[in-house]
C-alpha atoms as a PDB file:
ATOM      1  CA  MET A   1       7.838 -14.741   0.774  1.00  0.00           C
ATOM      2  CA  ILE A   2       8.872 -11.427  -0.781  1.00  0.00           C
ATOM      3  CA  LYS A   3       8.185 -12.891  -4.213  1.00  0.00           C
ATOM      4  CA  ASN A   4       4.682 -13.973  -3.095  1.00  0.00           C
ATOM      5  CA  VAL A   5       3.902 -10.604  -1.532  1.00  0.00           C
ATOM      6  CA  SER A   6       5.117  -8.784  -4.631  1.00  0.00           C
ATOM      7  CA  GLY A   7       2.814 -10.989  -6.725  1.00  0.00           C
ATOM      8  CA  ASP A   8      -0.112 -10.232  -4.438  1.00  0.00           C
ATOM      9  CA  LEU A   9       0.606  -6.517  -4.759  1.00  0.00           C
ATOM     10  CA  ARG A  10       0.539  -6.836  -8.556  1.00  0.00           C
ATOM     11  CA  GLN A  11      -2.939  -8.359  -8.219  1.00  0.00           C
ATOM     12  CA  LEU A  12      -3.990  -5.537  -5.905  1.00  0.00           C
ATOM     13  CA  ASP A  13      -2.659  -2.983  -8.390  1.00  0.00           C
ATOM     14  CA  LYS A  14      -5.411  -3.995 -10.822  1.00  0.00           C
ATOM     15  CA  LEU A  15      -8.110  -3.382  -8.188  1.00  0.00           C
ATOM     16  CA  ILE A  16      -7.185   0.126  -7.032  1.00  0.00           C
ATOM     17  CA  VAL A  17      -9.728   2.597  -8.393  1.00  0.00           C
ATOM     18  CA  GLN A  18      -8.200   5.849  -7.104  1.00  0.00           C
ATOM     19  CA  PRO A  19      -5.070   6.755  -5.170  1.00  0.00           C
ATOM     20  CA  ASN A  20      -7.123   8.367  -2.400  1.00  0.00           C
ATOM     21  CA  ALA A  21      -9.571   5.473  -1.930  1.00  0.00           C
ATOM     22  CA  VAL A  22      -9.125   1.878  -3.046  1.00  0.00           C
ATOM     23  CA  ASN A  23     -12.740   1.555  -4.214  1.00  0.00           C
ATOM     24  CA  GLY A  24     -13.087   5.126  -5.417  1.00  0.00           C
ATOM     25  CA  GLU A  25     -14.684   6.328  -2.184  1.00  0.00           C
ATOM     26  CA  LEU A  26     -13.108   6.286   1.268  1.00  0.00           C
ATOM     27  CA  SER A  27     -14.453   3.247   3.116  1.00  0.00           C
ATOM     28  CA  GLU A  28     -13.657   0.583   5.685  1.00  0.00           C
ATOM     29  CA  ASP A  29     -11.625  -1.146   2.993  1.00  0.00           C
ATOM     30  CA  ASP A  30      -9.117   1.698   3.218  1.00  0.00           C
ATOM     31  CA  PHE A  31      -9.020   1.455   7.012  1.00  0.00           C
ATOM     32  CA  ASN A  32      -8.143  -2.235   6.655  1.00  0.00           C
ATOM     33  CA  LEU A  33      -5.824  -2.044   3.652  1.00  0.00           C
ATOM     34  CA  PHE A  34      -3.599   0.901   4.509  1.00  0.00           C
ATOM     35  CA  PRO A  35      -2.246  -0.518   7.821  1.00  0.00           C
ATOM     36  CA  LEU A  36      -1.346  -3.754   6.046  1.00  0.00           C
ATOM     37  CA  LEU A  37       0.489  -1.915   3.281  1.00  0.00           C
ATOM     38  CA  ARG A  38       2.205   0.322   5.833  1.00  0.00           C
ATOM     39  CA  SER A  39       3.470  -2.714   7.746  1.00  0.00           C
ATOM     40  CA  LEU A  40       4.895  -4.118   4.504  1.00  0.00           C
ATOM     41  CA  THR A  41       7.038  -0.997   4.137  1.00  0.00           C
ATOM     42  CA  LEU A  42       9.221  -2.581   6.849  1.00  0.00           C
ATOM     43  CA  VAL A  43      10.282  -5.270   4.382  1.00  0.00           C
ATOM     44  CA  ALA A  44      13.101  -4.401   2.002  1.00  0.00           C
ATOM     45  CA  GLY A  45      12.980  -5.840  -1.497  1.00  0.00           C
ATOM     46  CA  ILE A  46       9.238  -5.756  -2.117  1.00  0.00           C
ATOM     47  CA  ASP A  47       8.323  -4.717  -5.660  1.00  0.00           C
ATOM     48  CA  TRP A  48       5.658  -2.020  -5.301  1.00  0.00           C
ATOM     49  CA  PRO A  49       3.499  -1.633  -8.429  1.00  0.00           C
ATOM     50  CA  ALA A  50       2.834   1.992  -9.398  1.00  0.00           C
ATOM     51  CA  ARG A  51      -0.822   2.249  -8.341  1.00  0.00           C
ATOM     52  CA  VAL A  52      -0.219   0.448  -5.050  1.00  0.00           C
ATOM     53  CA  ALA A  53       2.735   2.721  -4.246  1.00  0.00           C
ATOM     54  CA  GLU A  54       0.728   5.815  -5.172  1.00  0.00           C
ATOM     55  CA  TYR A  55      -2.202   4.651  -3.016  1.00  0.00           C
ATOM     56  CA  ARG A  56       0.118   3.800  -0.094  1.00  0.00           C
ATOM     57  CA  ASP A  57       1.872   7.157  -0.274  1.00  0.00           C
ATOM     58  CA  ASN A  58      -1.366   9.100  -0.667  1.00  0.00           C
ATOM     59  CA  MET A  59      -2.985   7.358   2.285  1.00  0.00           C
ATOM     60  CA  ALA A  60       0.092   8.050   4.412  1.00  0.00           C
ATOM     61  CA  LYS A  61      -0.201  11.717   3.507  1.00  0.00           C
ATOM     62  CA  GLN A  62      -3.968  11.835   4.169  1.00  0.00           C
ATOM     63  CA  THR A  63      -3.647  10.150   7.552  1.00  0.00           C
ATOM     64  CA  GLN A  64      -0.368  11.873   8.455  1.00  0.00           C
ATOM     65  CA  VAL A  65       1.064   8.460   9.360  1.00  0.00           C
ATOM     66  CA  ASN A  66       4.687   7.904   8.375  1.00  0.00           C
ATOM     67  CA  LEU A  67       5.699   4.853   6.391  1.00  0.00           C
ATOM     68  CA  LEU A  68       8.404   2.582   7.766  1.00  0.00           C
ATOM     69  CA  SER A  69      10.615   2.415   4.672  1.00  0.00           C
ATOM     70  CA  SER A  70      13.492   4.214   6.385  1.00  0.00           C
ATOM     71  CA  ILE A  71      13.965   1.263   8.757  1.00  0.00           C
ATOM     72  CA  ALA A  72      13.166  -1.531   6.296  1.00  0.00           C
ATOM     73  CA  GLN A  73      15.230  -4.713   6.543  1.00  0.00           C
END
């Protein structure tokens, strides 16, 4: 499954317009996407493409919600 998720994230990487908003402007898409990406930080071994990682980290900073990487398994 990690291989599939990593592949999906590579597809998502191509769609991210800006690191502070997936479509270039903060929208409901961000409210739906960020929690999903945050939950994936619980999974060790996922290959995070650069733009996805930058978006994930930026959204965590904007929302002041910690990622779960420190307890990933």
